[in-house]
């Protein structure tokens, strides 16, 4: 039973992510300082991008940003301002992944909320969906402990 389930799961992942296997990611997005601008990979790159990449590789102020943020360095405001062409291409390449993940999380949250609260379908009006999808730590226990019950009249 378990091996069958695992095989079905593996088949599902294979079907879902076949397009990712065929995608080629430019090496300069993940390793801009190790990328060889004289390699064959630059044959399809625009000259302006190659020049910006050369400038970036010689810019000592960007290396600490890359060490801390890795591929997310392309979302850093200072990097985007200095190297806008490179940042635009990198963001367009990397953007589908977190977006797809967040959409999948939202669908799962909606399914869970609707299965628990079948009678009340106003999940967007009540704020349940927003609370389920937020990355903030909700402090409901703290709010409840501060609430004062009204005394009897």
N, C-alpha and C. Protein backbone atom coordinates (compact mmCIF):
# COMPACT_ATOMS: atom_id res chain seq x y z
N UNK A 1 0.81 -1.19 0.00
CA UNK A 1 0.00 0.00 0.00
C UNK A 1 0.87 1.27 0.00
N UNK A 2 1.85 1.31 0.89
CA UNK A 2 2.71 2.50 0.98
C UNK A 2 3.56 2.66 -0.28
N UNK A 3 4.19 1.58 -0.80
CA UNK A 3 4.96 1.76 -2.04
C UNK A 3 4.10 2.25 -3.21
N UNK A 4 2.86 1.80 -3.28
CA UNK A 4 1.97 2.25 -4.35
C UNK A 4 1.68 3.73 -4.21
N UNK A 5 1.44 4.16 -2.97
CA UNK A 5 1.18 5.58 -2.72
C UNK A 5 2.41 6.42 -3.06
N UNK A 6 3.59 5.95 -2.67
CA UNK A 6 4.81 6.70 -2.97
C UNK A 6 5.06 6.77 -4.47
N UNK A 7 4.77 5.69 -5.18
CA UNK A 7 4.94 5.70 -6.64
C UNK A 7 3.97 6.68 -7.29
N UNK A 8 2.72 6.70 -6.79
CA UNK A 8 1.72 7.64 -7.31
C UNK A 8 2.16 9.08 -7.05
N UNK A 9 2.74 9.31 -5.87
CA UNK A 9 3.24 10.65 -5.53
C UNK A 9 4.39 11.05 -6.45
N UNK A 10 5.31 10.11 -6.69
CA UNK A 10 6.44 10.39 -7.59
C UNK A 10 5.95 10.67 -9.00
N UNK A 11 4.96 9.91 -9.47
CA UNK A 11 4.40 10.15 -10.80
C UNK A 11 3.73 11.52 -10.88
N UNK A 12 3.04 11.90 -9.81
CA UNK A 12 2.37 13.21 -9.77
C UNK A 12 3.39 14.34 -9.85
N UNK A 13 4.48 14.22 -9.08
CA UNK A 13 5.53 15.24 -9.15
C UNK A 13 6.16 15.31 -10.53
N UNK A 14 6.38 14.15 -11.14
CA UNK A 14 6.97 14.12 -12.48
C UNK A 14 6.06 14.83 -13.48
N UNK A 15 4.75 14.55 -13.40
CA UNK A 15 3.80 15.19 -14.31
C UNK A 15 3.69 16.68 -14.05
N UNK A 16 3.71 17.07 -12.78
CA UNK A 16 3.53 18.47 -12.42
C UNK A 16 4.72 19.34 -12.81
N UNK A 17 5.91 18.79 -12.70
CA UNK A 17 7.10 19.60 -12.86
C UNK A 17 7.94 19.22 -14.08
N UNK A 18 7.33 18.67 -15.10
CA UNK A 18 8.09 18.31 -16.31
C UNK A 18 8.67 19.54 -16.98
N UNK A 19 7.94 20.65 -16.93
CA UNK A 19 8.45 21.87 -17.57
C UNK A 19 9.69 22.40 -16.87
N UNK A 20 9.83 22.15 -15.56
CA UNK A 20 11.02 22.61 -14.84
C UNK A 20 12.26 21.84 -15.27
N UNK A 21 12.09 20.57 -15.58
CA UNK A 21 13.24 19.78 -16.02
C UNK A 21 13.79 20.28 -17.34
N UNK A 22 12.92 20.79 -18.18
CA UNK A 22 13.37 21.25 -19.49
C UNK A 22 13.87 22.70 -19.46
N UNK A 23 13.62 23.41 -18.37
CA UNK A 23 14.06 24.80 -18.28
C UNK A 23 15.57 24.89 -18.07
N UNK A 24 16.16 25.87 -18.69
CA UNK A 24 17.57 26.15 -18.44
C UNK A 24 17.66 27.50 -17.77
N UNK A 25 18.34 27.51 -16.65
CA UNK A 25 18.50 28.75 -15.90
C UNK A 25 19.89 29.31 -16.17
N UNK A 26 19.96 30.59 -16.46
CA UNK A 26 21.28 31.19 -16.65
C UNK A 26 22.12 31.09 -15.38
N UNK A 27 23.33 30.64 -15.52
CA UNK A 27 24.21 30.45 -14.37
C UNK A 27 24.50 31.77 -13.67
N UNK A 28 24.51 32.86 -14.41
CA UNK A 28 24.86 34.14 -13.81
C UNK A 28 23.83 34.60 -12.79
N UNK A 29 22.61 34.06 -12.81
CA UNK A 29 21.60 34.47 -11.83
C UNK A 29 21.97 33.96 -10.44
N UNK A 30 22.40 32.71 -10.36
CA UNK A 30 22.74 32.16 -9.04
C UNK A 30 24.19 32.42 -8.64
N UNK A 31 25.09 32.48 -9.61
CA UNK A 31 26.51 32.68 -9.32
C UNK A 31 27.09 33.81 -10.17
N UNK A 32 26.65 35.04 -9.94
CA UNK A 32 27.11 36.13 -10.81
C UNK A 32 28.60 36.42 -10.71
N UNK A 33 29.21 36.10 -9.57
CA UNK A 33 30.63 36.42 -9.40
C UNK A 33 31.54 35.31 -9.91
N UNK A 34 31.00 34.12 -10.10
CA UNK A 34 31.78 33.00 -10.62
C UNK A 34 31.55 32.76 -12.11
N UNK A 35 30.57 33.43 -12.65
CA UNK A 35 30.21 33.24 -14.05
C UNK A 35 31.29 33.80 -14.97
N UNK A 36 31.68 33.01 -15.97
CA UNK A 36 32.70 33.43 -16.94
C UNK A 36 32.00 34.15 -18.10
N UNK A 37 32.22 35.45 -18.20
CA UNK A 37 31.55 36.23 -19.25
C UNK A 37 32.11 35.93 -20.64
N UNK A 38 33.18 35.16 -20.71
CA UNK A 38 33.75 34.80 -22.00
C UNK A 38 33.38 33.37 -22.40
N UNK A 39 32.43 32.78 -21.71
CA UNK A 39 32.00 31.42 -22.02
C UNK A 39 30.96 31.42 -23.13
N UNK A 40 30.60 30.23 -23.58
CA UNK A 40 29.61 30.10 -24.66
C UNK A 40 28.21 30.53 -24.20
N UNK A 41 27.98 30.55 -22.90
CA UNK A 41 26.66 30.95 -22.38
C UNK A 41 26.31 32.39 -22.72
N UNK A 42 27.30 33.20 -22.98
CA UNK A 42 27.04 34.61 -23.27
C UNK A 42 26.70 34.87 -24.74
N UNK A 43 26.77 33.83 -25.57
CA UNK A 43 26.48 34.02 -26.99
C UNK A 43 25.04 34.47 -27.22
N UNK A 44 24.13 34.05 -26.36
CA UNK A 44 22.72 34.42 -26.51
C UNK A 44 22.36 35.65 -25.68
N UNK A 45 23.31 36.18 -24.92
CA UNK A 45 23.03 37.34 -24.07
C UNK A 45 23.22 38.64 -24.84
N UNK A 46 22.44 39.64 -24.45
CA UNK A 46 22.56 40.97 -25.01
C UNK A 46 23.87 41.60 -24.53
N UNK A 47 24.47 42.43 -25.35
CA UNK A 47 25.73 43.08 -25.00
C UNK A 47 25.60 43.94 -23.76
N UNK A 48 24.47 44.63 -23.61
CA UNK A 48 24.27 45.48 -22.43
C UNK A 48 24.26 44.64 -21.15
N UNK A 49 23.68 43.44 -21.22
CA UNK A 49 23.67 42.56 -20.05
C UNK A 49 25.08 42.09 -19.70
N UNK A 50 25.86 41.77 -20.70
CA UNK A 50 27.24 41.31 -20.46
C UNK A 50 28.06 42.43 -19.83
N UNK A 51 27.89 43.65 -20.32
CA UNK A 51 28.61 44.79 -19.75
C UNK A 51 28.20 45.02 -18.30
N UNK A 52 26.89 44.93 -18.03
CA UNK A 52 26.42 45.11 -16.65
C UNK A 52 26.96 44.01 -15.76
N UNK A 53 27.02 42.80 -16.27
CA UNK A 53 27.54 41.67 -15.50
C UNK A 53 29.02 41.87 -15.17
N UNK A 54 29.77 42.39 -16.13
CA UNK A 54 31.19 42.69 -15.87
C UNK A 54 31.33 43.75 -14.78
N UNK A 55 30.49 44.78 -14.84
CA UNK A 55 30.52 45.82 -13.81
C UNK A 55 30.16 45.23 -12.45
N UNK A 56 29.15 44.38 -12.42
CA UNK A 56 28.71 43.78 -11.17
C UNK A 56 29.82 42.91 -10.57
N UNK A 57 30.50 42.14 -11.40
CA UNK A 57 31.56 41.27 -10.91
C UNK A 57 32.72 42.05 -10.30
N UNK A 58 32.89 43.29 -10.71
CA UNK A 58 33.96 44.13 -10.18
C UNK A 58 33.49 45.09 -9.09
N UNK A 59 32.22 45.00 -8.73
CA UNK A 59 31.65 45.88 -7.71
C UNK A 59 31.73 45.21 -6.34
N UNK A 60 32.59 45.73 -5.48
CA UNK A 60 32.78 45.14 -4.15
C UNK A 60 31.60 45.38 -3.22
N UNK A 61 30.74 46.33 -3.53
CA UNK A 61 29.61 46.61 -2.65
C UNK A 61 28.48 45.60 -2.79
N UNK A 62 28.46 44.86 -3.89
CA UNK A 62 27.37 43.91 -4.14
C UNK A 62 27.71 42.53 -3.57
N UNK A 63 28.97 42.21 -3.44
CA UNK A 63 29.36 40.88 -2.95
C UNK A 63 28.81 40.57 -1.56
N UNK A 64 28.83 41.49 -0.61
CA UNK A 64 28.22 41.17 0.70
C UNK A 64 26.71 40.94 0.61
N UNK A 65 26.05 41.66 -0.29
CA UNK A 65 24.61 41.46 -0.48
C UNK A 65 24.36 40.05 -1.00
N UNK A 66 25.19 39.60 -1.94
CA UNK A 66 25.04 38.25 -2.49
C UNK A 66 25.33 37.18 -1.44
N UNK A 67 26.33 37.43 -0.58
CA UNK A 67 26.64 36.45 0.47
C UNK A 67 25.48 36.29 1.44
N UNK A 68 24.80 37.38 1.74
CA UNK A 68 23.69 37.33 2.70
C UNK A 68 22.41 36.80 2.05
N UNK A 69 22.09 37.29 0.86
CA UNK A 69 20.79 37.01 0.26
C UNK A 69 20.81 35.96 -0.85
N UNK A 70 21.96 35.62 -1.38
CA UNK A 70 22.04 34.63 -2.46
C UNK A 70 21.27 35.12 -3.69
N UNK A 71 20.42 34.24 -4.24
CA UNK A 71 19.67 34.60 -5.45
C UNK A 71 18.66 35.71 -5.19
N UNK A 72 18.30 35.91 -3.93
CA UNK A 72 17.36 36.98 -3.61
C UNK A 72 18.01 38.36 -3.68
N UNK A 73 19.29 38.39 -3.97
CA UNK A 73 19.97 39.68 -4.11
C UNK A 73 19.33 40.49 -5.24
N UNK A 74 18.70 39.81 -6.20
CA UNK A 74 18.09 40.50 -7.33
C UNK A 74 16.83 41.26 -6.92
N UNK A 75 16.36 41.09 -5.70
CA UNK A 75 15.22 41.87 -5.21
C UNK A 75 15.68 43.03 -4.34
N UNK A 76 16.96 43.12 -4.07
CA UNK A 76 17.51 44.21 -3.26
C UNK A 76 17.42 45.52 -4.04
N UNK A 77 16.93 46.56 -3.37
CA UNK A 77 16.70 47.84 -4.04
C UNK A 77 18.00 48.42 -4.63
N UNK A 78 19.08 48.37 -3.88
CA UNK A 78 20.35 48.96 -4.35
C UNK A 78 20.87 48.22 -5.58
N UNK A 79 20.75 46.89 -5.57
CA UNK A 79 21.21 46.10 -6.71
C UNK A 79 20.33 46.38 -7.93
N UNK A 80 19.02 46.46 -7.71
CA UNK A 80 18.09 46.75 -8.81
C UNK A 80 18.35 48.14 -9.40
N UNK A 81 18.68 49.09 -8.55
CA UNK A 81 18.93 50.44 -9.04
C UNK A 81 20.22 50.51 -9.87
N UNK A 82 21.26 49.82 -9.41
CA UNK A 82 22.54 49.85 -10.11
C UNK A 82 22.55 49.01 -11.38
N UNK A 83 21.93 47.83 -11.29
CA UNK A 83 21.99 46.86 -12.39
C UNK A 83 20.57 46.48 -12.80
N UNK A 84 19.86 47.44 -13.31
CA UNK A 84 18.43 47.26 -13.59
C UNK A 84 18.16 46.21 -14.68
N UNK A 85 19.00 46.17 -15.71
CA UNK A 85 18.78 45.20 -16.79
C UNK A 85 18.95 43.76 -16.30
N UNK A 86 20.04 43.53 -15.56
CA UNK A 86 20.28 42.20 -15.01
C UNK A 86 19.18 41.81 -14.03
N UNK A 87 18.80 42.74 -13.16
CA UNK A 87 17.78 42.47 -12.15
C UNK A 87 16.44 42.13 -12.80
N UNK A 88 16.09 42.84 -13.85
CA UNK A 88 14.82 42.58 -14.54
C UNK A 88 14.80 41.17 -15.12
N UNK A 89 15.86 40.76 -15.80
CA UNK A 89 15.93 39.42 -16.38
C UNK A 89 15.90 38.36 -15.28
N UNK A 90 16.66 38.58 -14.22
CA UNK A 90 16.72 37.61 -13.12
C UNK A 90 15.36 37.48 -12.43
N UNK A 91 14.69 38.60 -12.20
CA UNK A 91 13.38 38.56 -11.55
C UNK A 91 12.35 37.86 -12.41
N UNK A 92 12.37 38.10 -13.71
CA UNK A 92 11.43 37.42 -14.61
C UNK A 92 11.67 35.91 -14.63
N UNK A 93 12.91 35.50 -14.45
CA UNK A 93 13.23 34.08 -14.44
C UNK A 93 12.81 33.43 -13.12
N UNK A 94 13.03 34.13 -12.01
CA UNK A 94 12.79 33.55 -10.69
C UNK A 94 11.37 33.75 -10.16
N UNK A 95 10.64 34.71 -10.67
CA UNK A 95 9.33 35.07 -10.13
C UNK A 95 8.29 33.95 -10.14
N UNK A 96 8.21 33.11 -11.14
CA UNK A 96 7.14 32.09 -11.13
C UNK A 96 7.19 31.12 -9.96
N UNK A 97 8.34 30.89 -9.37
CA UNK A 97 8.44 29.86 -8.34
C UNK A 97 7.75 30.23 -7.04
N UNK A 98 8.05 31.38 -6.42
CA UNK A 98 7.31 31.70 -5.19
C UNK A 98 5.84 31.97 -5.47
N UNK A 99 5.53 32.51 -6.64
CA UNK A 99 4.14 32.80 -6.97
C UNK A 99 3.34 31.51 -7.04
N UNK A 100 3.87 30.50 -7.71
CA UNK A 100 3.19 29.21 -7.82
C UNK A 100 3.02 28.59 -6.44
N UNK A 101 4.04 28.69 -5.61
CA UNK A 101 3.98 28.13 -4.26
C UNK A 101 2.88 28.82 -3.45
N UNK A 102 2.82 30.14 -3.53
CA UNK A 102 1.82 30.88 -2.76
C UNK A 102 0.40 30.57 -3.23
N UNK A 103 0.23 30.39 -4.53
CA UNK A 103 -1.10 30.03 -5.06
C UNK A 103 -1.50 28.66 -4.56
N UNK A 104 -0.58 27.71 -4.57
CA UNK A 104 -0.87 26.37 -4.07
C UNK A 104 -1.24 26.42 -2.59
N UNK A 105 -0.52 27.23 -1.80
CA UNK A 105 -0.85 27.38 -0.38
C UNK A 105 -2.24 27.97 -0.20
N UNK A 106 -2.60 28.94 -1.02
CA UNK A 106 -3.91 29.57 -0.90
C UNK A 106 -5.02 28.57 -1.23
N UNK A 107 -4.84 27.78 -2.28
CA UNK A 107 -5.85 26.77 -2.62
C UNK A 107 -5.99 25.74 -1.50
N UNK A 108 -4.88 25.33 -0.92
CA UNK A 108 -4.93 24.37 0.18
C UNK A 108 -5.65 24.96 1.38
N UNK A 109 -5.37 26.23 1.68
CA UNK A 109 -6.02 26.90 2.81
C UNK A 109 -7.52 27.03 2.58
N UNK A 110 -7.91 27.39 1.38
CA UNK A 110 -9.35 27.51 1.07
C UNK A 110 -10.03 26.16 1.22
N UNK A 111 -9.40 25.11 0.71
CA UNK A 111 -9.97 23.77 0.83
C UNK A 111 -10.13 23.37 2.29
N UNK A 112 -9.10 23.65 3.09
CA UNK A 112 -9.17 23.30 4.51
C UNK A 112 -10.25 24.08 5.23
N UNK A 113 -10.32 25.37 4.98
CA UNK A 113 -11.32 26.21 5.65
C UNK A 113 -12.73 25.79 5.25
N UNK A 114 -12.93 25.55 3.96
CA UNK A 114 -14.26 25.17 3.50
C UNK A 114 -14.68 23.79 3.99
N UNK A 115 -13.71 22.90 4.17
CA UNK A 115 -14.08 21.57 4.65
C UNK A 115 -14.43 21.61 6.14
N UNK A 116 -13.83 22.53 6.89
CA UNK A 116 -14.13 22.64 8.32
C UNK A 116 -15.40 23.45 8.57
N UNK A 117 -15.64 24.43 7.72
CA UNK A 117 -16.76 25.35 7.93
C UNK A 117 -17.67 25.33 6.71
N UNK A 118 -18.25 24.18 6.41
CA UNK A 118 -19.06 24.04 5.20
C UNK A 118 -20.24 24.99 5.18
N UNK A 119 -20.80 25.29 6.32
CA UNK A 119 -22.01 26.12 6.37
C UNK A 119 -21.74 27.59 6.11
N UNK A 120 -20.55 28.07 6.42
CA UNK A 120 -20.25 29.49 6.28
C UNK A 120 -19.23 29.68 5.17
N UNK A 121 -19.67 30.10 4.00
CA UNK A 121 -18.78 30.22 2.84
C UNK A 121 -18.21 31.62 2.66
N UNK A 122 -18.33 32.48 3.64
CA UNK A 122 -17.83 33.85 3.50
C UNK A 122 -16.42 33.97 4.08
N UNK A 123 -15.50 33.17 3.55
CA UNK A 123 -14.16 33.14 4.12
C UNK A 123 -13.39 34.43 3.88
N UNK A 124 -13.68 35.12 2.79
CA UNK A 124 -12.95 36.36 2.52
C UNK A 124 -13.46 37.51 3.38
N UNK A 125 -14.75 37.49 3.72
CA UNK A 125 -15.31 38.57 4.53
C UNK A 125 -14.89 38.45 5.99
N UNK A 126 -14.75 37.24 6.47
CA UNK A 126 -14.44 37.02 7.88
C UNK A 126 -12.96 37.17 8.18
N UNK A 127 -12.11 37.06 7.20
CA UNK A 127 -10.67 37.20 7.43
C UNK A 127 -9.97 35.89 7.72
N UNK A 128 -10.69 34.77 7.64
CA UNK A 128 -10.06 33.48 7.91
C UNK A 128 -8.94 33.17 6.93
N UNK A 129 -9.18 33.46 5.67
CA UNK A 129 -8.19 33.16 4.64
C UNK A 129 -6.93 34.01 4.84
N UNK A 130 -7.11 35.28 5.14
CA UNK A 130 -5.96 36.16 5.37
C UNK A 130 -5.15 35.68 6.58
N UNK A 131 -5.84 35.28 7.64
CA UNK A 131 -5.14 34.79 8.83
C UNK A 131 -4.40 33.49 8.53
N UNK A 132 -4.98 32.66 7.69
CA UNK A 132 -4.37 31.38 7.35
C UNK A 132 -3.12 31.56 6.49
N UNK A 133 -3.12 32.57 5.61
CA UNK A 133 -2.03 32.74 4.65
C UNK A 133 -0.92 33.68 5.12
N UNK A 134 -1.12 34.39 6.19
CA UNK A 134 -0.12 35.36 6.63
C UNK A 134 1.10 34.66 7.21
N UNK A 135 2.24 35.28 7.07
CA UNK A 135 3.46 34.74 7.66
C UNK A 135 3.69 35.31 9.05
N UNK A 136 2.85 36.23 9.46
CA UNK A 136 2.97 36.81 10.80
C UNK A 136 2.48 35.82 11.85
N UNK A 137 3.09 35.85 13.01
CA UNK A 137 2.66 35.00 14.10
C UNK A 137 1.47 35.66 14.79
N UNK A 138 0.34 35.00 14.73
CA UNK A 138 -0.86 35.56 15.35
C UNK A 138 -0.80 35.32 16.85
N UNK A 139 -1.16 36.32 17.64
CA UNK A 139 -1.13 36.22 19.10
C UNK A 139 -2.55 36.25 19.64
N UNK A 140 -3.32 35.28 19.22
CA UNK A 140 -4.72 35.22 19.61
C UNK A 140 -4.86 35.01 21.10
N UNK A 141 -4.03 34.15 21.70
CA UNK A 141 -4.10 33.88 23.14
C UNK A 141 -3.88 35.16 23.94
N UNK A 142 -2.96 35.99 23.48
CA UNK A 142 -2.70 37.26 24.16
C UNK A 142 -3.90 38.19 24.07
N UNK A 143 -4.52 38.24 22.91
CA UNK A 143 -5.71 39.07 22.74
C UNK A 143 -6.87 38.59 23.62
N UNK A 144 -7.05 37.29 23.68
CA UNK A 144 -8.13 36.73 24.48
C UNK A 144 -7.89 37.00 25.96
N UNK A 145 -6.64 36.91 26.39
CA UNK A 145 -6.35 37.12 27.82
C UNK A 145 -6.57 38.58 28.23
N UNK A 146 -6.44 39.51 27.30
CA UNK A 146 -6.66 40.93 27.61
C UNK A 146 -8.14 41.32 27.53
N UNK A 147 -8.96 40.49 26.94
CA UNK A 147 -10.38 40.81 26.78
C UNK A 147 -11.08 40.69 28.12
N UNK A 148 -11.82 41.72 28.47
CA UNK A 148 -12.55 41.71 29.73
C UNK A 148 -14.01 41.37 29.44
N UNK A 149 -14.48 40.39 30.14
CA UNK A 149 -15.88 40.02 29.96
C UNK A 149 -16.76 41.06 30.65
N UNK A 150 -17.91 41.33 30.05
CA UNK A 150 -18.82 42.30 30.65
C UNK A 150 -19.52 41.67 31.85
N UNK A 151 -19.57 42.42 32.92
CA UNK A 151 -20.21 41.93 34.14
C UNK A 151 -21.73 41.91 33.99
N UNK A 152 -22.38 41.20 34.87
CA UNK A 152 -23.85 41.12 34.84
C UNK A 152 -24.44 42.44 35.29
N UNK A 153 -25.58 42.82 34.73
CA UNK A 153 -26.24 44.07 35.09
C UNK A 153 -27.19 43.87 36.21
